[in-house]
């Protein structure tokens, strides 16, 4: 037993990194320096950028790119000046969807539109560029949760084919939805 001073505290083991820092062979950690702002890439001419991309693609890639570009062009022609659904805010998305749904229920009394039928209608109008049925359903659910539109469930006494029912289904936390409910204005004189 050594005859040195006894410490009232037991000696702790230190890590190799801590010992190296005390001896000076590793510099202590510095305060974090904020990252430098990244410089955006130089703006390229879209036509020349597309030409360079085309040069690097296989024939199958070129065919896929052309098919996609044609679809976007056709969607823009059908849609006109209106932006596609994918770029709209939740409020504008819900308003556009409700407008399209109200156009679909002209002959129906229940005020309900199947989600898949509404998506097909919007697709025919060129409004679904960049958004598939799954993302459309997700945005509908978010709009429903925000109170911007109302989703409803299929009732057994209603008539529907199995394919429409399955493709319209949204499941979330034990709830299932199949329709968008369009609020109709009440006829004059009824309150």
Protein backbone atom coordinates (compact mmCIF):
# COMPACT_ATOMS: atom_id res chain seq x y z
CA UNK A 1 0.00 0.00 0.00
CA UNK A 2 1.34 3.39 -0.91
CA UNK A 3 2.01 5.98 1.71
CA UNK A 4 0.72 8.95 -0.33
CA UNK A 5 -2.23 11.12 0.41
CA UNK A 6 -5.48 9.27 0.52
CA UNK A 7 -8.36 10.84 -1.31
CA UNK A 8 -11.80 10.67 0.25
CA UNK A 9 -13.16 9.91 -3.25
CA UNK A 10 -12.42 6.70 -5.08
CA UNK A 11 -10.39 7.07 -8.26
CA UNK A 12 -12.43 6.98 -11.49
CA UNK A 13 -11.35 5.28 -14.60
CA UNK A 14 -11.06 7.66 -17.52
CA UNK A 15 -11.51 6.93 -21.14
CA UNK A 16 -8.63 6.89 -23.56
CA UNK A 17 -9.98 10.00 -25.24
CA UNK A 18 -10.11 11.94 -21.95
CA UNK A 19 -6.56 10.90 -21.04
CA UNK A 20 -5.33 11.95 -24.49
CA UNK A 21 -7.04 15.34 -24.14
CA UNK A 22 -5.44 15.93 -20.73
CA UNK A 23 -2.03 15.03 -22.08
CA UNK A 24 -2.52 17.44 -25.00
CA UNK A 25 -2.26 14.96 -27.85
CA UNK A 26 -5.92 15.60 -28.84
CA UNK A 27 -7.31 19.09 -28.96
CA UNK A 28 -10.41 19.67 -26.87
CA UNK A 29 -13.65 19.90 -28.83
CA UNK A 30 -14.33 23.36 -30.22
CA UNK A 31 -17.63 25.11 -30.17
CA UNK A 32 -19.61 24.05 -33.20
CA UNK A 33 -19.26 26.36 -36.15
CA UNK A 34 -22.44 26.93 -38.11
CA UNK A 35 -22.29 25.43 -41.58
CA UNK A 36 -21.54 27.77 -44.42
CA UNK A 37 -24.42 28.62 -46.67
CA UNK A 38 -24.42 26.42 -49.71
CA UNK A 39 -24.09 28.09 -53.04
CA UNK A 40 -26.94 27.22 -55.41
CA UNK A 41 -25.92 25.55 -58.63
CA UNK A 42 -25.61 27.89 -61.58
CA UNK A 43 -28.83 28.40 -63.50
CA UNK A 44 -28.79 26.32 -66.64
CA UNK A 45 -30.86 26.74 -69.72
CA UNK A 46 -33.67 24.14 -69.37
CA UNK A 47 -33.33 23.08 -73.01
CA UNK A 48 -29.59 22.45 -72.71
CA UNK A 49 -30.08 20.65 -69.37
CA UNK A 50 -32.70 18.39 -70.96
CA UNK A 51 -30.40 17.74 -73.91
CA UNK A 52 -27.57 16.69 -71.59
CA UNK A 53 -29.94 14.42 -69.65
CA UNK A 54 -31.21 12.83 -72.85
CA UNK A 55 -27.65 12.13 -73.95
CA UNK A 56 -27.04 10.12 -70.76
CA UNK A 57 -30.26 8.06 -70.88
CA UNK A 58 -30.80 4.65 -72.40
CA UNK A 59 -33.39 4.29 -75.19
CA UNK A 60 -35.89 3.03 -72.58
CA UNK A 61 -35.16 6.04 -70.38
CA UNK A 62 -35.67 8.41 -73.30
CA UNK A 63 -39.02 6.74 -74.12
CA UNK A 64 -40.15 7.02 -70.47
CA UNK A 65 -39.11 10.67 -70.27
CA UNK A 66 -40.93 11.49 -73.50
CA UNK A 67 -44.09 9.71 -72.32
CA UNK A 68 -43.99 11.63 -69.04
CA UNK A 69 -43.38 14.95 -70.81
CA UNK A 70 -46.30 14.30 -73.17
CA UNK A 71 -48.58 13.49 -70.23
CA UNK A 72 -47.57 16.72 -68.46
CA UNK A 73 -48.17 18.71 -71.64
CA UNK A 74 -51.60 17.13 -72.16
CA UNK A 75 -52.52 17.70 -68.49
CA UNK A 76 -51.55 21.36 -68.75
CA UNK A 77 -53.64 21.77 -71.90
CA UNK A 78 -56.72 20.21 -70.26
CA UNK A 79 -56.22 22.05 -66.97
CA UNK A 80 -55.65 25.44 -68.52
CA UNK A 81 -54.21 28.12 -66.24
CA UNK A 82 -55.15 26.35 -62.99
CA UNK A 83 -52.21 24.82 -61.10
CA UNK A 84 -52.23 21.06 -60.43
CA UNK A 85 -53.57 19.72 -57.12
CA UNK A 86 -50.11 18.77 -55.86
CA UNK A 87 -48.96 22.38 -55.48
CA UNK A 88 -52.09 23.72 -53.76
CA UNK A 89 -52.32 24.62 -50.09
CA UNK A 90 -54.62 22.38 -48.00
CA UNK A 91 -57.39 25.01 -48.11
CA UNK A 92 -57.14 25.49 -51.89
CA UNK A 93 -56.88 21.71 -52.39
CA UNK A 94 -60.10 21.16 -50.42
CA UNK A 95 -61.90 23.95 -52.30
CA UNK A 96 -60.89 22.53 -55.70
CA UNK A 97 -61.89 19.00 -54.65
CA UNK A 98 -65.25 20.18 -53.32
CA UNK A 99 -65.93 22.07 -56.56
CA UNK A 100 -65.17 18.97 -58.62
CA UNK A 101 -67.26 16.79 -56.28
CA UNK A 102 -70.24 19.14 -56.49
CA UNK A 103 -70.06 18.91 -60.30
CA UNK A 104 -70.17 15.10 -60.08
CA UNK A 105 -73.24 14.84 -57.83
CA UNK A 106 -75.60 16.76 -60.08
CA UNK A 107 -77.84 13.72 -60.55
CA UNK A 108 -77.52 12.33 -57.02
CA UNK A 109 -79.58 13.19 -53.99
CA UNK A 110 -77.35 11.88 -51.21
CA UNK A 111 -74.53 14.40 -51.71
CA UNK A 112 -71.84 11.70 -51.66
CA UNK A 113 -69.12 11.07 -54.23
CA UNK A 114 -66.85 8.03 -54.19
CA UNK A 115 -63.22 9.04 -53.75
CA UNK A 116 -62.00 6.90 -56.67
CA UNK A 117 -64.64 8.35 -59.03
CA UNK A 118 -63.66 11.87 -58.02
CA UNK A 119 -59.98 11.09 -58.59
CA UNK A 120 -60.74 9.71 -62.07
CA UNK A 121 -62.73 12.85 -62.89
CA UNK A 122 -59.87 15.10 -61.73
CA UNK A 123 -57.41 12.94 -63.67
CA UNK A 124 -59.45 13.37 -66.87
CA UNK A 125 -59.35 17.13 -66.34
CA UNK A 126 -55.52 17.05 -66.03
CA UNK A 127 -55.47 18.18 -62.39
CA UNK A 128 -53.64 15.20 -60.89
CA UNK A 129 -50.21 15.75 -62.44
CA UNK A 130 -47.61 14.48 -59.97
CA UNK A 131 -50.14 12.99 -57.56
CA UNK A 132 -51.39 9.41 -57.45
CA UNK A 133 -54.49 7.98 -55.83
CA UNK A 134 -52.65 7.13 -52.59
CA UNK A 135 -51.31 10.68 -52.17
CA UNK A 136 -54.72 12.09 -53.13
CA UNK A 137 -56.32 10.01 -50.36
CA UNK A 138 -53.65 11.17 -47.91
CA UNK A 139 -54.34 14.83 -48.73
CA UNK A 140 -58.09 14.22 -48.45
CA UNK A 141 -57.59 12.73 -44.99
CA UNK A 142 -55.49 15.72 -43.88
CA UNK A 143 -58.15 18.12 -45.21
CA UNK A 144 -60.84 16.12 -43.37
CA UNK A 145 -58.85 16.28 -40.12
CA UNK A 146 -58.42 20.05 -40.58
CA UNK A 147 -62.18 20.44 -41.04
CA UNK A 148 -61.85 21.63 -44.65
CA UNK A 149 -64.05 18.85 -46.07
CA UNK A 150 -66.06 15.90 -44.81
CA UNK A 151 -65.34 12.26 -45.58
CA UNK A 152 -68.03 9.67 -44.96
CA UNK A 153 -68.30 5.93 -44.79
CA UNK A 154 -70.08 3.57 -47.16
CA UNK A 155 -73.29 2.26 -45.67
CA UNK A 156 -74.44 -1.31 -46.39
CA UNK A 157 -77.79 -0.08 -47.77
CA UNK A 158 -75.99 1.88 -50.53
CA UNK A 159 -75.17 0.39 -53.92
CA UNK A 160 -71.64 0.19 -55.27
CA UNK A 161 -69.43 -2.19 -57.18
CA UNK A 162 -66.62 -3.85 -55.26
CA UNK A 163 -63.81 -2.29 -57.34
CA UNK A 164 -65.02 1.27 -56.71
CA UNK A 165 -65.55 0.54 -53.04
CA UNK A 166 -62.07 -0.95 -52.62
CA UNK A 167 -60.26 1.77 -54.57
CA UNK A 168 -62.12 4.51 -52.66
CA UNK A 169 -61.34 3.17 -49.19
CA UNK A 170 -59.29 5.23 -46.73
CA UNK A 171 -58.49 3.63 -43.37
CA UNK A 172 -57.20 5.68 -40.49
CA UNK A 173 -57.12 4.88 -36.76
CA UNK A 174 -60.03 2.46 -36.88
CA UNK A 175 -62.14 4.68 -39.17
CA UNK A 176 -62.94 3.88 -42.77
CA UNK A 177 -64.02 6.40 -45.40
CA UNK A 178 -65.24 5.91 -48.96
CA UNK A 179 -67.03 9.16 -49.91
CA UNK A 180 -66.61 12.88 -49.93
CA UNK A 181 -69.73 14.49 -48.58
CA UNK A 182 -70.78 17.57 -50.50
CA UNK A 183 -72.68 20.05 -48.42
CA UNK A 184 -75.59 21.21 -50.47
CA UNK A 185 -77.22 24.56 -49.88
CA UNK A 186 -80.63 24.24 -48.28
CA UNK A 187 -83.57 25.23 -50.50
CA UNK A 188 -85.08 28.63 -49.88
CA UNK A 189 -87.62 28.69 -47.08
CA UNK A 190 -86.06 25.78 -45.14
CA UNK A 191 -83.89 26.53 -42.16
